Amino acid sequence: MIRAASKASAAGKAASAFWNVNGMVIFVCARKGKVVASINLSTIDPEDEDAGEGLPRALKRLVRASGDDVDPEAIALAMVEEFTGICVDPGVLGSGEIREITPLPDDLDPYDADYLPSHLKDYPDLVDLLLALDPERQRVISKAATRIAVAEAGMSAEPSIAEVLDDFDRLAVPGSNPGVGLLDGAIARRSDELSLREIDTGVYGCIELYHVFQQAWAVNAIRQSTNTNPLSAALACCNSAIVAASCAKLERGEQLVEDERGGRLVETHDPTAARTAAVVNALTAMARDDSPTWAQHLAGLPAPLTTAERERAIADDRRREAAGDFTEYKIVND
């Protein structure tokens, strides 16, 4: 769209500013059918000398003007005006038509005995128990597993997730929530940013990326809990809870191995092994237990990581990576 608009423009230029309820602010500009730059202003640090890298020089000045006291939406609109020469006044923003976006229905996998979630295959005893449960118990355990995944990722207070969790007590099958889709997209973008950073540096396994993966699996559990097929929901949500627990890392546990198969990271020790085992054991006990409540099984789970623990671990990991402590994690492609 932006490329086509720039071709159609008399000046050969086009730009757009986009923002949403998750605080994401995107500026894109194009000239004569080619995208010049695309930047997420919500993640920019104005103190960073490289902030706005790739932008035209006149726009870099605006990026450095951003900060806590300036709305990134205003910066994005100023960038549109600077690049195109077209004034963006309040009348422009107030005109147009407001449309409600109806999200597409979730495309949920039909898991069963012949098609299992990839990580759950490592726990055949749990799988057999889930397959043998009646549909009502499968539904209940899918909700319990979802709560575990969400707690592991520290996302219980996210509004869209909290709404779905509230539905667990009222509805046999919770409905999808548009906010969850937006949250999923924001998490995917952050995951892509961190993955690209690892590709650029050649150093892999950063702790923050694991914590983003936790969030992704928590959202996956929320989405899968809405599956109308109770068996599919139980298998998928248990899988998500287990993987979310395995991503609760405070330190790296891999080592680079280079042999005839090439360079690859191999886990030398798993700092989350005990946590993952506790989640598997709790889910297995739930699947075996016919009592109406499973509170005693959930009570034995390790406490989820706190925000402070996450922040300290990420900061320490970044410091150690900058100091070169993780050279064995570096894969060099000549």
C-alpha atoms as a PDB file:
ATOM      1  CA  MET A   1       0.000   0.000   0.000  1.00  0.00           C
ATOM      2  CA  ILE A   2       2.683   2.519   0.978  1.00  0.00           C
ATOM      3  CA  ARG A   3       4.736   1.650  -2.112  1.00  0.00           C
ATOM      4  CA  ALA A   4       1.743   2.139  -4.389  1.00  0.00           C
ATOM      5  CA  ALA A   5       0.874   5.432  -2.679  1.00  0.00           C
ATOM      6  CA  SER A   6       4.381   6.768  -3.238  1.00  0.00           C
ATOM      7  CA  LYS A   7       4.190   5.889  -6.928  1.00  0.00           C
ATOM      8  CA  ALA A   8       0.860   7.675  -7.237  1.00  0.00           C
ATOM      9  CA  SER A   9       2.057  10.777  -5.378  1.00  0.00           C
ATOM     10  CA  ALA A  10       3.053  13.806  -7.437  1.00  0.00           C
ATOM     11  CA  ALA A  11       6.153  14.188  -5.273  1.00  0.00           C
ATOM     12  CA  GLY A  12       6.892  10.464  -5.353  1.00  0.00           C
ATOM     13  CA  LYS A  13       6.650  10.268  -1.559  1.00  0.00           C
ATOM     14  CA  ALA A  14       4.278   8.628   0.912  1.00  0.00           C
ATOM     15  CA  ALA A  15       4.365   7.993   4.659  1.00  0.00           C
ATOM     16  CA  SER A  16       2.124   6.463   7.285  1.00  0.00           C
ATOM     17  CA  ALA A  17       1.779   6.551  11.062  1.00  0.00           C
ATOM     18  CA  PHE A  18       0.079   3.655  12.842  1.00  0.00           C
ATOM     19  CA  TRP A  19      -0.588   3.053  16.528  1.00  0.00           C
ATOM     20  CA  ASN A  20      -2.767   0.698  18.537  1.00  0.00           C
ATOM     21  CA  VAL A  21      -4.046   0.018  22.043  1.00  0.00           C
ATOM     22  CA  ASN A  22      -0.889  -1.944  22.921  1.00  0.00           C
ATOM     23  CA  GLY A  23       1.244   1.198  22.660  1.00  0.00           C
ATOM     24  CA  MET A  24       2.927   0.191  19.399  1.00  0.00           C
ATOM     25  CA  VAL A  25       3.683   3.185  17.127  1.00  0.00           C
ATOM     26  CA  ILE A  26       4.949   2.445  13.613  1.00  0.00           C
ATOM     27  CA  PHE A  27       6.232   4.979  11.077  1.00  0.00           C
ATOM     28  CA  VAL A  28       6.836   3.900   7.461  1.00  0.00           C
ATOM     29  CA  CYS A  29       7.929   6.019   4.512  1.00  0.00           C
ATOM     30  CA  ALA A  30       8.446   5.228   0.840  1.00  0.00           C
ATOM     31  CA  ARG A  31       9.834   7.031  -2.192  1.00  0.00           C
ATOM     32  CA  LYS A  32       9.008   6.166  -5.813  1.00  0.00           C
ATOM     33  CA  GLY A  33       7.703   2.718  -4.995  1.00  0.00           C
ATOM     34  CA  LYS A  34      10.441   1.693  -2.560  1.00  0.00           C
ATOM     35  CA  VAL A  35      10.247   1.644   1.225  1.00  0.00           C
ATOM     36  CA  VAL A  36      12.842   4.023   2.623  1.00  0.00           C
ATOM     37  CA  ALA A  37      12.438   3.179   6.303  1.00  0.00           C
ATOM     38  CA  SER A  38      10.166   1.471   8.827  1.00  0.00           C
ATOM     39  CA  ILE A  39      10.562   2.066  12.547  1.00  0.00           C
ATOM     40  CA  ASN A  40       8.748   1.150  15.766  1.00  0.00           C
ATOM     41  CA  LEU A  41       8.894   4.361  17.782  1.00  0.00           C
ATOM     42  CA  SER A  42       7.551   2.680  20.917  1.00  0.00           C
ATOM     43  CA  THR A  43      10.824   0.767  21.318  1.00  0.00           C
ATOM     44  CA  ILE A  44      13.204   3.623  20.508  1.00  0.00           C
ATOM     45  CA  ASP A  45      15.643   4.910  23.136  1.00  0.00           C
ATOM     46  CA  PRO A  46      16.268   8.588  22.265  1.00  0.00           C
ATOM     47  CA  GLU A  47      19.547   8.468  24.219  1.00  0.00           C
ATOM     48  CA  ASP A  48      20.877   5.804  21.852  1.00  0.00           C
ATOM     49  CA  GLU A  49      23.141   7.390  19.252  1.00  0.00           C
ATOM     50  CA  ASP A  50      22.018   4.770  16.735  1.00  0.00           C
ATOM     51  CA  ALA A  51      18.318   5.481  17.313  1.00  0.00           C
ATOM     52  CA  GLY A  52      16.593   6.009  14.001  1.00  0.00           C
ATOM     53  CA  GLU A  53      19.311   4.267  12.010  1.00  0.00           C
ATOM     54  CA  GLY A  54      18.195   4.029   8.378  1.00  0.00           C
ATOM     55  CA  LEU A  55      15.893   7.057   8.539  1.00  0.00           C
ATOM     56  CA  PRO A  56      16.457  10.142   6.397  1.00  0.00           C
ATOM     57  CA  ARG A  57      18.582  12.702   8.251  1.00  0.00           C
ATOM     58  CA  ALA A  58      15.705  15.130   8.864  1.00  0.00           C
ATOM     59  CA  LEU A  59      13.694  12.411  10.565  1.00  0.00           C
ATOM     60  CA  LYS A  60      16.518  11.300  12.871  1.00  0.00           C
ATOM     61  CA  ARG A  61      16.272  14.717  14.547  1.00  0.00           C
ATOM     62  CA  LEU A  62      12.643  14.000  15.424  1.00  0.00           C
ATOM     63  CA  VAL A  63      13.488  10.564  16.811  1.00  0.00           C
ATOM     64  CA  ARG A  64      16.029  12.119  19.183  1.00  0.00           C
ATOM     65  CA  ALA A  65      13.310  14.555  20.327  1.00  0.00           C
ATOM     66  CA  SER A  66      11.159  11.681  21.583  1.00  0.00           C
ATOM     67  CA  GLY A  67      11.040  10.714  25.227  1.00  0.00           C
ATOM     68  CA  ASP A  68       8.775  10.217  28.218  1.00  0.00           C
ATOM     69  CA  ASP A  69       7.339  13.727  27.888  1.00  0.00           C
ATOM     70  CA  VAL A  70       6.530  13.441  24.161  1.00  0.00           C
ATOM     71  CA  ASP A  71       3.882  11.139  22.742  1.00  0.00           C
ATOM     72  CA  PRO A  72       5.379   8.794  20.136  1.00  0.00           C
ATOM     73  CA  GLU A  73       2.154   9.265  18.118  1.00  0.00           C
ATOM     74  CA  ALA A  74       2.977  12.969  17.818  1.00  0.00           C
ATOM     75  CA  ILE A  75       6.516  12.144  16.720  1.00  0.00           C
ATOM     76  CA  ALA A  76       5.176   9.746  14.071  1.00  0.00           C
ATOM     77  CA  LEU A  77       2.794  12.375  12.687  1.00  0.00           C
ATOM     78  CA  ALA A  78       5.560  14.987  12.682  1.00  0.00           C
ATOM     79  CA  MET A  79       7.691  12.562  10.706  1.00  0.00           C
ATOM     80  CA  VAL A  80       4.883  12.079   8.182  1.00  0.00           C
ATOM     81  CA  GLU A  81       4.640  15.862   7.735  1.00  0.00           C
ATOM     82  CA  GLU A  82       8.423  16.307   7.510  1.00  0.00           C
ATOM     83  CA  PHE A  83       8.833  13.565   4.919  1.00  0.00           C
ATOM     84  CA  THR A  84       5.818  14.341   2.703  1.00  0.00           C
ATOM     85  CA  GLY A  85       5.435  18.076   3.251  1.00  0.00           C
ATOM     86  CA  ILE A  86       1.744  17.557   3.956  1.00  0.00           C
ATOM     87  CA  CYS A  87       0.387  19.169   7.133  1.00  0.00           C
ATOM     88  CA  VAL A  88      -1.311  16.722   9.514  1.00  0.00           C
ATOM     89  CA  ASP A  89      -3.685  18.858  11.567  1.00  0.00           C
ATOM     90  CA  PRO A  90      -6.440  17.866  14.038  1.00  0.00           C
ATOM     91  CA  GLY A  91      -9.008  18.065  11.257  1.00  0.00           C
ATOM     92  CA  VAL A  92      -7.254  15.299   9.368  1.00  0.00           C
ATOM     93  CA  LEU A  93      -7.254  13.065  12.427  1.00  0.00           C
ATOM     94  CA  GLY A  94     -10.889  13.820  13.187  1.00  0.00           C
ATOM     95  CA  SER A  95     -12.140  13.049   9.702  1.00  0.00           C
ATOM     96  CA  GLY A  96     -12.618   9.670   8.133  1.00  0.00           C
ATOM     97  CA  GLU A  97     -14.663   6.691   9.173  1.00  0.00           C
ATOM     98  CA  ILE A  98     -14.150   4.600  12.295  1.00  0.00           C
ATOM     99  CA  ARG A  99     -14.546   0.889  11.684  1.00  0.00           C
ATOM    100  CA  GLU A 100     -14.641  -1.930  14.197  1.00  0.00           C
ATOM    101  CA  ILE A 101     -12.116  -4.625  13.346  1.00  0.00           C
ATOM    102  CA  THR A 102     -13.555  -8.116  13.550  1.00  0.00           C
ATOM    103  CA  PRO A 103     -10.711 -10.564  14.128  1.00  0.00           C
ATOM    104  CA  LEU A 104     -10.494 -13.761  12.167  1.00  0.00           C
ATOM    105  CA  PRO A 105     -11.401 -16.883  14.160  1.00  0.00           C
ATOM    106  CA  ASP A 106      -8.452 -18.648  15.708  1.00  0.00           C
ATOM    107  CA  ASP A 107      -7.061 -21.446  13.585  1.00  0.00           C
ATOM    108  CA  LEU A 108      -6.598 -24.119  16.244  1.00  0.00           C
ATOM    109  CA  ASP A 109      -4.922 -27.452  15.592  1.00  0.00           C
ATOM    110  CA  PRO A 110      -7.107 -30.592  15.936  1.00  0.00           C
ATOM    111  CA  TYR A 111      -4.795 -32.513  18.267  1.00  0.00           C
ATOM    112  CA  ASP A 112      -5.540 -36.160  19.014  1.00  0.00           C
ATOM    113  CA  ALA A 113      -3.751 -39.488  19.587  1.00  0.00           C
ATOM    114  CA  ASP A 114      -2.328 -39.415  16.058  1.00  0.00           C
ATOM    115  CA  TYR A 115      -1.406 -35.741  16.047  1.00  0.00           C
ATOM    116  CA  LEU A 116       0.239 -34.617  19.269  1.00  0.00           C
ATOM    117  CA  PRO A 117       1.824 -31.263  20.174  1.00  0.00           C
ATOM    118  CA  SER A 118       5.546 -31.616  19.588  1.00  0.00           C
ATOM    119  CA  HIS A 119       6.778 -31.151  23.185  1.00  0.00           C
ATOM    120  CA  LEU A 120       4.084 -33.321  24.741  1.00  0.00           C
ATOM    121  CA  LYS A 121       5.440 -36.329  22.876  1.00  0.00           C
ATOM    122  CA  ASP A 122       8.216 -36.487  25.481  1.00  0.00           C
ATOM    123  CA  TYR A 123       5.646 -37.353  28.183  1.00  0.00           C
ATOM    124  CA  PRO A 124       3.747 -40.447  26.941  1.00  0.00           C
ATOM    125  CA  ASP A 125       2.339 -41.292  30.377  1.00  0.00           C
ATOM    126  CA  LEU A 126       0.647 -37.901  30.604  1.00  0.00           C
ATOM    127  CA  VAL A 127      -0.611 -38.216  27.043  1.00  0.00           C
ATOM    128  CA  ASP A 128      -2.197 -41.617  27.760  1.00  0.00           C
ATOM    129  CA  LEU A 129      -3.955 -40.206  30.810  1.00  0.00           C
ATOM    130  CA  LEU A 130      -5.285 -37.200  28.878  1.00  0.00           C
ATOM    131  CA  LEU A 131      -6.557 -39.422  26.079  1.00  0.00           C
ATOM    132  CA  ALA A 132      -8.440 -41.585  28.589  1.00  0.00           C
ATOM    133  CA  LEU A 133     -10.209 -38.700  30.386  1.00  0.00           C
ATOM    134  CA  ASP A 134     -13.867 -38.001  29.702  1.00  0.00           C
ATOM    135  CA  PRO A 135     -14.550 -34.754  27.802  1.00  0.00           C
ATOM    136  CA  GLU A 136     -15.606 -32.832  30.914  1.00  0.00           C
ATOM    137  CA  ARG A 137     -12.365 -33.640  32.735  1.00  0.00           C
ATOM    138  CA  GLN A 138     -10.348 -32.856  29.602  1.00  0.00           C
ATOM    139  CA  ARG A 139     -11.948 -29.420  29.571  1.00  0.00           C
ATOM    140  CA  VAL A 140     -11.201 -28.829  33.240  1.00  0.00           C
ATOM    141  CA  ILE A 141      -7.563 -29.849  32.907  1.00  0.00           C
ATOM    142  CA  SER A 142      -7.146 -27.612  29.850  1.00  0.00           C
ATOM    143  CA  LYS A 143      -8.219 -24.668  32.001  1.00  0.00           C
ATOM    144  CA  ALA A 144      -5.912 -25.678  34.847  1.00  0.00           C
ATOM    145  CA  ALA A 145      -2.966 -26.027  32.457  1.00  0.00           C
ATOM    146  CA  THR A 146      -3.758 -22.628  30.947  1.00  0.00           C
ATOM    147  CA  ARG A 147      -3.681 -21.007  34.388  1.00  0.00           C
ATOM    148  CA  ILE A 148      -0.273 -22.612  34.973  1.00  0.00           C
ATOM    149  CA  ALA A 149       1.097 -21.300  31.665  1.00  0.00           C
ATOM    150  CA  VAL A 150      -0.216 -17.790  32.298  1.00  0.00           C
ATOM    151  CA  ALA A 151       1.184 -17.731  35.840  1.00  0.00           C
ATOM    152  CA  GLU A 152       4.580 -18.997  34.616  1.00  0.00           C
ATOM    153  CA  ALA A 153       4.749 -16.101  32.152  1.00  0.00           C
ATOM    154  CA  GLY A 154       3.596 -13.543  34.747  1.00  0.00           C
ATOM    155  CA  MET A 155       0.665 -12.502  32.566  1.00  0.00           C
ATOM    156  CA  SER A 156      -2.339 -13.031  34.840  1.00  0.00           C
ATOM    157  CA  ALA A 157      -2.939  -9.273  35.063  1.00  0.00           C
ATOM    158  CA  GLU A 158      -3.012  -8.682  31.287  1.00  0.00           C
ATOM    159  CA  PRO A 159      -6.573  -7.387  30.700  1.00  0.00           C
ATOM    160  CA  SER A 160      -7.436  -9.560  27.687  1.00  0.00           C
ATOM    161  CA  ILE A 161      -6.010 -12.663  29.351  1.00  0.00           C
ATOM    162  CA  ALA A 162      -7.773 -11.895  32.636  1.00  0.00           C
ATOM    163  CA  GLU A 163     -11.072 -11.665  30.747  1.00  0.00           C
ATOM    164  CA  VAL A 164     -10.634 -15.156  29.308  1.00  0.00           C
ATOM    165  CA  LEU A 165      -9.604 -16.558  32.696  1.00  0.00           C
ATOM    166  CA  ASP A 166     -12.740 -15.020  34.227  1.00  0.00           C
ATOM    167  CA  ASP A 167     -14.790 -16.868  31.614  1.00  0.00           C
ATOM    168  CA  PHE A 168     -13.326 -20.158  32.870  1.00  0.00           C
ATOM    169  CA  ASP A 169     -15.627 -20.003  35.890  1.00  0.00           C
ATOM    170  CA  ARG A 170     -18.726 -19.089  33.882  1.00  0.00           C
ATOM    171  CA  LEU A 171     -18.457 -20.900  30.576  1.00  0.00           C
ATOM    172  CA  ALA A 172     -17.767 -24.503  29.673  1.00  0.00           C
ATOM    173  CA  VAL A 173     -15.891 -23.295  26.597  1.00  0.00           C
ATOM    174  CA  PRO A 174     -14.443 -19.763  26.845  1.00  0.00           C
ATOM    175  CA  GLY A 175     -14.748 -17.538  23.803  1.00  0.00           C
ATOM    176  CA  SER A 176     -11.905 -15.920  21.870  1.00  0.00           C
ATOM    177  CA  ASN A 177     -10.879 -12.396  22.826  1.00  0.00           C
ATOM    178  CA  PRO A 178      -9.717  -9.821  20.228  1.00  0.00           C
ATOM    179  CA  GLY A 179      -7.237  -8.387  22.707  1.00  0.00           C
ATOM    180  CA  VAL A 180      -5.450 -11.732  22.893  1.00  0.00           C
ATOM    181  CA  GLY A 181      -4.798 -11.568  19.153  1.00  0.00           C
ATOM    182  CA  LEU A 182      -3.304  -8.088  19.486  1.00  0.00           C
ATOM    183  CA  LEU A 183      -1.173  -9.254  22.397  1.00  0.00           C
ATOM    184  CA  ASP A 184      -0.017 -12.255  20.391  1.00  0.00           C
ATOM    185  CA  GLY A 185       1.067  -9.965  17.572  1.00  0.00           C
ATOM    186  CA  ALA A 186       3.013  -7.680  19.912  1.00  0.00           C
ATOM    187  CA  ILE A 187       4.814 -10.660  21.440  1.00  0.00           C
ATOM    188  CA  ALA A 188       5.645 -12.051  17.995  1.00  0.00           C
ATOM    189  CA  ARG A 189       7.139  -8.710  16.961  1.00  0.00           C
ATOM    190  CA  ARG A 190       9.303  -8.547  20.077  1.00  0.00           C
ATOM    191  CA  SER A 191      10.421 -12.113  19.474  1.00  0.00           C
ATOM    192  CA  ASP A 192      11.379 -11.203  15.905  1.00  0.00           C
ATOM    193  CA  GLU A 193      13.325  -8.150  17.113  1.00  0.00           C
ATOM    194  CA  LEU A 194      15.354 -10.199  19.587  1.00  0.00           C
ATOM    195  CA  SER A 195      15.893 -13.022  17.096  1.00  0.00           C
ATOM    196  CA  LEU A 196      17.179 -10.579  14.471  1.00  0.00           C
ATOM    197  CA  ARG A 197      19.491  -9.059  17.076  1.00  0.00           C
ATOM    198  CA  GLU A 198      20.929 -12.505  17.776  1.00  0.00           C
ATOM    199  CA  ILE A 199      21.428 -13.106  14.068  1.00  0.00           C
ATOM    200  CA  ASP A 200      23.232  -9.751  13.757  1.00  0.00           C
ATOM    201  CA  THR A 201      25.545 -10.432  16.705  1.00  0.00           C
ATOM    202  CA  GLY A 202      25.923 -14.172  16.116  1.00  0.00           C
ATOM    203  CA  VAL A 203      25.423 -14.751  19.860  1.00  0.00           C
ATOM    204  CA  TYR A 204      22.421 -16.888  20.715  1.00  0.00           C
ATOM    205  CA  GLY A 205      20.362 -17.845  23.755  1.00  0.00           C
ATOM    206  CA  CYS A 206      19.634 -14.483  25.414  1.00  0.00           C
ATOM    207  CA  ILE A 207      17.506 -14.710  28.553  1.00  0.00           C
ATOM    208  CA  GLU A 208      15.017 -12.050  27.446  1.00  0.00           C
ATOM    209  CA  LEU A 209      14.083 -14.110  24.403  1.00  0.00           C
ATOM    210  CA  TYR A 210      13.265 -17.081  26.618  1.00  0.00           C
ATOM    211  CA  HIS A 211      10.963 -14.872  28.678  1.00  0.00           C
ATOM    212  CA  VAL A 212       9.275 -13.646  25.488  1.00  0.00           C
ATOM    213  CA  PHE A 213       8.826 -17.290  24.496  1.00  0.00           C
ATOM    214  CA  GLN A 214       7.116 -17.815  27.860  1.00  0.00           C
ATOM    215  CA  GLN A 215       4.646 -15.082  27.006  1.00  0.00           C
ATOM    216  CA  ALA A 216       4.038 -16.605  23.588  1.00  0.00           C
ATOM    217  CA  TRP A 217       3.249 -20.011  25.089  1.00  0.00           C
ATOM    218  CA  ALA A 218       0.949 -18.456  27.682  1.00  0.00           C
ATOM    219  CA  VAL A 219      -1.007 -16.735  24.917  1.00  0.00           C
ATOM    220  CA  ASN A 220      -1.011 -19.999  22.989  1.00  0.00           C
ATOM    221  CA  ALA A 221      -2.584 -21.726  25.995  1.00  0.00           C
ATOM    222  CA  ILE A 222      -5.263 -19.014  26.216  1.00  0.00           C
ATOM    223  CA  ARG A 223      -6.071 -19.430  22.535  1.00  0.00           C
ATOM    224  CA  GLN A 224      -6.078 -23.234  22.704  1.00  0.00           C
ATOM    225  CA  SER A 225      -8.365 -23.207  25.751  1.00  0.00           C
ATOM    226  CA  THR A 226     -11.128 -21.890  23.458  1.00  0.00           C
ATOM    227  CA  ASN A 227     -10.955 -24.993  21.260  1.00  0.00           C
ATOM    228  CA  THR A 228     -14.400 -26.568  21.035  1.00  0.00           C
ATOM    229  CA  ASN A 229     -12.773 -30.016  21.022  1.00  0.00           C
ATOM    230  CA  PRO A 230     -11.971 -30.803  24.693  1.00  0.00           C
ATOM    231  CA  LEU A 231      -9.243 -33.341  23.870  1.00  0.00           C
ATOM    232  CA  SER A 232      -7.449 -30.917  21.556  1.00  0.00           C
ATOM    233  CA  ALA A 233      -7.704 -28.228  24.218  1.00  0.00           C
ATOM    234  CA  ALA A 234      -6.323 -30.518  26.947  1.00  0.00           C
ATOM    235  CA  LEU A 235      -3.358 -31.695  24.869  1.00  0.00           C
ATOM    236  CA  ALA A 236      -2.462 -28.229  23.593  1.00  0.00           C
ATOM    237  CA  CYS A 237      -2.826 -26.426  26.927  1.00  0.00           C
ATOM    238  CA  CYS A 238      -0.779 -29.003  28.823  1.00  0.00           C
ATOM    239  CA  ASN A 239       1.890 -28.716  26.148  1.00  0.00           C
ATOM    240  CA  SER A 240       1.914 -24.918  26.520  1.00  0.00           C
ATOM    241  CA  ALA A 241       2.170 -25.095  30.317  1.00  0.00           C
ATOM    242  CA  ILE A 242       5.164 -27.433  30.140  1.00  0.00           C
ATOM    243  CA  VAL A 243       7.022 -25.339  27.566  1.00  0.00           C
ATOM    244  CA  ALA A 244       6.273 -22.097  29.435  1.00  0.00           C
ATOM    245  CA  ALA A 245       7.853 -23.626  32.543  1.00  0.00           C
ATOM    246  CA  SER A 246      10.913 -24.721  30.556  1.00  0.00           C
ATOM    247  CA  CYS A 247      11.476 -21.115  29.421  1.00  0.00           C
ATOM    248  CA  ALA A 248      11.613 -19.632  32.949  1.00  0.00           C
ATOM    249  CA  LYS A 249      15.384 -19.251  32.734  1.00  0.00           C
ATOM    250  CA  LEU A 250      17.531 -16.938  34.805  1.00  0.00           C
ATOM    251  CA  GLU A 251      20.785 -18.131  33.218  1.00  0.00           C
ATOM    252  CA  ARG A 252      21.957 -19.696  29.989  1.00  0.00           C
ATOM    253  CA  GLY A 253      22.505 -23.416  29.949  1.00  0.00           C
ATOM    254  CA  GLU A 254      23.851 -24.077  26.455  1.00  0.00           C
ATOM    255  CA  GLN A 255      27.262 -24.574  24.923  1.00  0.00           C
ATOM    256  CA  LEU A 256      28.393 -24.329  21.315  1.00  0.00           C
ATOM    257  CA  VAL A 257      29.387 -27.663  19.777  1.00  0.00           C
ATOM    258  CA  GLU A 258      31.108 -27.754  16.403  1.00  0.00           C
ATOM    259  CA  ASP A 259      31.527 -31.036  14.553  1.00  0.00           C
ATOM    260  CA  GLU A 260      30.793 -32.561  11.164  1.00  0.00           C
ATOM    261  CA  ARG A 261      27.164 -31.462  11.560  1.00  0.00           C
ATOM    262  CA  GLY A 262      28.235 -27.832  11.913  1.00  0.00           C
ATOM    263  CA  GLY A 263      27.964 -25.399  14.813  1.00  0.00           C
ATOM    264  CA  ARG A 264      24.968 -25.749  17.125  1.00  0.00           C
ATOM    265  CA  LEU A 265      24.015 -24.961  20.690  1.00  0.00           C
ATOM    266  CA  VAL A 266      23.613 -27.972  22.954  1.00  0.00           C
ATOM    267  CA  GLU A 267      22.097 -27.746  26.417  1.00  0.00           C
ATOM    268  CA  THR A 268      24.758 -28.749  28.922  1.00  0.00           C
ATOM    269  CA  HIS A 269      22.502 -28.252  31.926  1.00  0.00           C
ATOM    270  CA  ASP A 270      18.860 -27.275  32.202  1.00  0.00           C
ATOM    271  CA  PRO A 271      18.301 -24.622  34.881  1.00  0.00           C
ATOM    272  CA  THR A 272      14.544 -25.149  34.588  1.00  0.00           C
ATOM    273  CA  ALA A 273      14.529 -28.966  34.760  1.00  0.00           C
ATOM    274  CA  ALA A 274      13.060 -29.085  38.279  1.00  0.00           C
ATOM    275  CA  ARG A 275      10.378 -26.520  37.420  1.00  0.00           C
ATOM    276  CA  THR A 276       9.379 -28.340  34.244  1.00  0.00           C
ATOM    277  CA  ALA A 277       9.247 -31.663  36.082  1.00  0.00           C
ATOM    278  CA  ALA A 278       7.017 -30.133  38.762  1.00  0.00           C
ATOM    279  CA  VAL A 279       4.537 -28.935  36.137  1.00  0.00           C
ATOM    280  CA  VAL A 280       4.526 -32.333  34.400  1.00  0.00           C
ATOM    281  CA  ASN A 281       4.020 -34.089  37.741  1.00  0.00           C
ATOM    282  CA  ALA A 282       1.175 -31.744  38.706  1.00  0.00           C
ATOM    283  CA  LEU A 283      -0.618 -32.247  35.388  1.00  0.00           C
ATOM    284  CA  THR A 284      -0.117 -36.013  35.625  1.00  0.00           C
ATOM    285  CA  ALA A 285      -1.516 -36.056  39.173  1.00  0.00           C
ATOM    286  CA  MET A 286      -4.519 -34.032  38.021  1.00  0.00           C
ATOM    287  CA  ALA A 287      -5.183 -36.449  35.181  1.00  0.00           C
ATOM    288  CA  ARG A 288      -5.125 -39.357  37.650  1.00  0.00           C
ATOM    289  CA  ASP A 289      -7.217 -37.650  40.334  1.00  0.00           C
ATOM    290  CA  ASP A 290     -11.013 -38.016  40.235  1.00  0.00           C
ATOM    291  CA  SER A 291     -11.612 -35.551  43.081  1.00  0.00           C
ATOM    292  CA  PRO A 292     -13.559 -32.374  42.229  1.00  0.00           C
ATOM    293  CA  THR A 293     -10.696 -30.062  43.069  1.00  0.00           C
ATOM    294  CA  TRP A 294      -7.013 -30.096  42.192  1.00  0.00           C
ATOM    295  CA  ALA A 295      -5.912 -27.277  44.456  1.00  0.00           C
ATOM    296  CA  GLN A 296      -3.453 -29.491  46.309  1.00  0.00           C
ATOM    297  CA  HIS A 297      -1.613 -30.310  43.090  1.00  0.00           C
ATOM    298  CA  LEU A 298      -1.345 -26.675  42.028  1.00  0.00           C
ATOM    299  CA  ALA A 299      -0.193 -25.626  45.494  1.00  0.00           C
ATOM    300  CA  GLY A 300       2.970 -27.693  45.133  1.00  0.00           C
ATOM    301  CA  LEU A 301       4.207 -25.858  42.034  1.00  0.00           C
ATOM    302  CA  PRO A 302       7.279 -23.593  42.269  1.00  0.00           C
ATOM    303  CA  ALA A 303       6.499 -19.886  42.562  1.00  0.00           C
ATOM    304  CA  PRO A 304       6.583 -18.127  39.157  1.00  0.00           C
ATOM    305  CA  LEU A 305       9.423 -15.730  38.459  1.00  0.00           C
ATOM    306  CA  THR A 306       8.788 -12.228  39.752  1.00  0.00           C
ATOM    307  CA  THR A 307       9.154  -9.083  37.660  1.00  0.00           C
ATOM    308  CA  ALA A 308      12.223  -8.139  39.694  1.00  0.00           C
ATOM    309  CA  GLU A 309      13.818 -11.547  39.084  1.00  0.00           C
ATOM    310  CA  ARG A 310      13.220 -11.236  35.358  1.00  0.00           C
ATOM    311  CA  GLU A 311      14.621  -7.719  35.164  1.00  0.00           C
ATOM    312  CA  ARG A 312      17.750  -8.656  37.126  1.00  0.00           C
ATOM    313  CA  ALA A 313      18.337 -11.765  35.008  1.00  0.00           C
ATOM    314  CA  ILE A 314      17.913  -9.874  31.718  1.00  0.00           C
ATOM    315  CA  ALA A 315      20.180  -7.021  32.851  1.00  0.00           C
ATOM    316  CA  ASP A 316      22.871  -9.430  34.063  1.00  0.00           C
ATOM    317  CA  ASP A 317      22.631 -11.475  30.869  1.00  0.00           C
ATOM    318  CA  ARG A 318      23.043  -8.363  28.710  1.00  0.00           C
ATOM    319  CA  ARG A 319      26.013  -7.197  30.797  1.00  0.00           C
ATOM    320  CA  ARG A 320      27.742 -10.564  30.536  1.00  0.00           C
ATOM    321  CA  GLU A 321      27.089 -10.776  26.799  1.00  0.00           C
ATOM    322  CA  ALA A 322      28.568  -7.286  26.292  1.00  0.00           C
ATOM    323  CA  ALA A 323      31.609  -8.358  28.316  1.00  0.00           C
ATOM    324  CA  GLY A 324      32.121 -11.348  26.019  1.00  0.00           C
ATOM    325  CA  ASP A 325      31.218 -14.011  28.579  1.00  0.00           C
ATOM    326  CA  PHE A 326      29.186 -15.927  26.008  1.00  0.00           C
ATOM    327  CA  THR A 327      31.711 -16.306  23.207  1.00  0.00           C
ATOM    328  CA  GLU A 328      30.932 -20.028  23.166  1.00  0.00           C
ATOM    329  CA  TYR A 329      27.398 -19.068  22.108  1.00  0.00           C
ATOM    330  CA  LYS A 330      28.644 -17.289  19.007  1.00  0.00           C
ATOM    331  CA  ILE A 331      28.074 -18.984  15.673  1.00  0.00           C
ATOM    332  CA  VAL A 332      30.174 -17.493  12.897  1.00  0.00           C
ATOM    333  CA  ASN A 333      29.146 -18.064   9.306  1.00  0.00           C
ATOM    334  CA  ASP A 334      32.087 -17.403   6.957  1.00  0.00           C
END
